[in-house]
Amino acid sequence: QVQLVESGGGLVQPGGSLRLSCAASGFTFSNYATSWYRQAPGKERELVANIISTGGSTNYADSVKGRFTISRDNAKNTVYLQMNSLKPEDTAVYYCKVRRQGMDYWGKGTLVTVSS
């Protein structure tokens, strides 16, 4: 079955960096676009970034442009989110998502806390 497992979250000071990973299994990962979302406490889940199946095109939310980079390694069935210049408002649970055959598949998320 389709599985997405996020990792790499943690506590980081403002201005710091983290790299999140999302390991996929149970389907042909290289055929599908992948997205990172986040959900802050008391807020709706929002799209952070997405990347097409080949990795040749990416899109970002305005709030993270220039600071975050999404990438993928299809040989490792993994998508990454490099997060630099982190701000307290980036604090959230980060999820990866794949839409496959009309269904959305989500991981369980990884918590990122940006605080001094």
Protein backbone atom coordinates (compact mmCIF):
# COMPACT_ATOMS: atom_id res chain seq x y z
CA GLN A 1 0.00 0.00 0.00
CA VAL A 2 1.02 3.61 -0.44
CA GLN A 3 3.15 4.88 2.43
CA LEU A 4 4.74 8.27 2.99
CA VAL A 5 7.02 8.74 5.98
CA GLU A 6 8.35 12.18 6.89
CA SER A 7 11.43 12.78 9.01
CA GLY A 8 13.91 15.51 9.87
CA GLY A 9 11.79 17.81 11.99
CA GLY A 10 12.90 19.23 15.30
CA LEU A 11 13.63 22.36 17.29
CA VAL A 12 15.71 25.02 15.60
CA GLN A 13 16.56 28.63 16.42
CA PRO A 14 15.35 31.48 14.20
CA GLY A 15 17.67 31.84 11.24
CA GLY A 16 18.59 28.17 11.33
CA SER A 17 18.11 25.39 8.81
CA LEU A 18 16.52 21.96 8.61
CA ARG A 19 16.12 19.39 5.87
CA LEU A 20 12.98 17.34 5.82
CA SER A 21 12.70 14.02 4.02
CA CYS A 22 9.68 12.06 2.85
CA ALA A 23 10.28 8.42 1.96
CA ALA A 24 7.68 6.85 -0.33
CA SER A 25 6.82 3.21 -0.87
CA GLY A 26 4.07 1.05 -2.31
CA PHE A 27 3.81 2.80 -5.68
CA THR A 28 5.93 4.04 -8.57
CA PHE A 29 7.13 7.25 -6.95
CA SER A 30 8.85 8.58 -10.07
CA ASN A 31 5.49 8.85 -11.88
CA TYR A 32 3.89 11.37 -9.54
CA ALA A 33 4.22 14.97 -8.48
CA THR A 34 4.77 15.43 -4.76
CA SER A 35 3.92 18.26 -2.41
CA TRP A 36 4.87 19.52 1.02
CA TYR A 37 2.15 21.04 3.18
CA ARG A 38 2.22 22.43 6.69
CA GLN A 39 -0.28 23.04 9.44
CA ALA A 40 0.42 25.48 12.24
CA PRO A 41 -1.48 25.33 15.54
CA GLY A 42 -4.98 26.70 15.09
CA LYS A 43 -4.56 27.20 11.35
CA GLU A 44 -5.59 25.38 8.21
CA ARG A 45 -3.19 23.16 6.33
CA GLU A 46 -1.41 25.08 3.57
CA LEU A 47 0.64 24.21 0.54
CA VAL A 48 4.34 24.94 0.96
CA ALA A 49 5.88 23.60 -2.25
CA ASN A 50 5.42 21.04 -4.97
CA ILE A 51 7.59 19.31 -7.53
CA ILE A 52 6.69 17.44 -10.68
CA SER A 53 7.53 13.79 -11.19
CA THR A 54 10.81 14.44 -13.00
CA GLY A 55 11.89 17.21 -10.63
CA GLY A 56 12.10 19.63 -13.51
CA SER A 57 9.58 22.14 -12.20
CA THR A 58 8.79 23.41 -8.75
CA ASN A 59 6.40 25.87 -7.14
CA TYR A 60 6.46 27.60 -3.76
CA ALA A 61 4.16 29.51 -1.48
CA ASP A 62 5.07 33.19 -1.40
CA SER A 63 5.86 32.92 2.31
CA VAL A 64 8.75 30.50 1.70
CA LYS A 65 10.12 31.60 -1.69
CA GLY A 66 13.86 32.17 -1.56
CA ARG A 67 14.19 30.29 1.74
CA PHE A 68 12.90 26.76 1.04
CA THR A 69 13.91 24.36 -1.71
CA ILE A 70 12.03 21.23 -2.71
CA SER A 71 13.88 18.44 -4.49
CA ARG A 72 13.55 14.73 -5.12
CA ASP A 73 15.67 11.66 -5.68
CA ASN A 74 13.60 9.17 -7.65
CA ALA A 75 16.26 6.48 -7.23
CA LYS A 76 15.69 6.72 -3.48
CA ASN A 77 11.92 7.30 -3.66
CA THR A 78 12.40 10.38 -1.53
CA VAL A 79 11.40 14.02 -1.67
CA TYR A 80 13.20 16.67 0.38
CA LEU A 81 12.46 20.12 1.73
CA GLN A 82 15.51 22.20 2.55
CA MET A 83 14.47 25.01 4.86
CA ASN A 84 16.81 27.93 5.47
CA SER A 85 16.45 31.22 7.32
CA LEU A 86 13.71 29.72 9.42
CA LYS A 87 11.28 32.01 11.21
CA PRO A 88 9.02 31.40 14.21
CA GLU A 89 6.04 31.54 11.84
CA ASP A 90 7.40 28.45 10.06
CA THR A 91 6.54 26.43 13.16
CA ALA A 92 4.13 23.71 12.05
CA VAL A 93 3.68 20.05 11.35
CA TYR A 94 4.99 19.39 7.84
CA TYR A 95 3.36 16.75 5.65
CA CYS A 96 4.13 15.31 2.26
CA LYS A 97 1.36 14.42 -0.11
CA VAL A 98 0.99 12.51 -3.35
CA ARG A 99 -2.12 12.48 -5.52
CA ARG A 100 -2.42 9.12 -7.23
CA GLN A 101 -5.36 7.89 -9.29
CA GLY A 102 -7.62 10.61 -7.93
CA MET A 103 -6.77 10.00 -4.28
CA ASP A 104 -4.60 12.04 -1.95
CA TYR A 105 -2.11 10.16 0.19
CA TRP A 106 -0.56 11.85 3.22
CA GLY A 107 2.19 11.02 5.61
CA LYS A 108 1.76 11.44 9.37
CA GLY A 109 3.88 14.56 9.44
CA THR A 110 6.98 15.82 11.20
CA LEU A 111 6.98 18.71 13.67
CA VAL A 112 9.18 21.74 13.07
CA THR A 113 9.50 24.22 15.91
CA VAL A 114 11.36 27.47 15.36
CA SER A 115 12.08 29.14 18.67
CA SER A 116 14.88 30.70 20.66
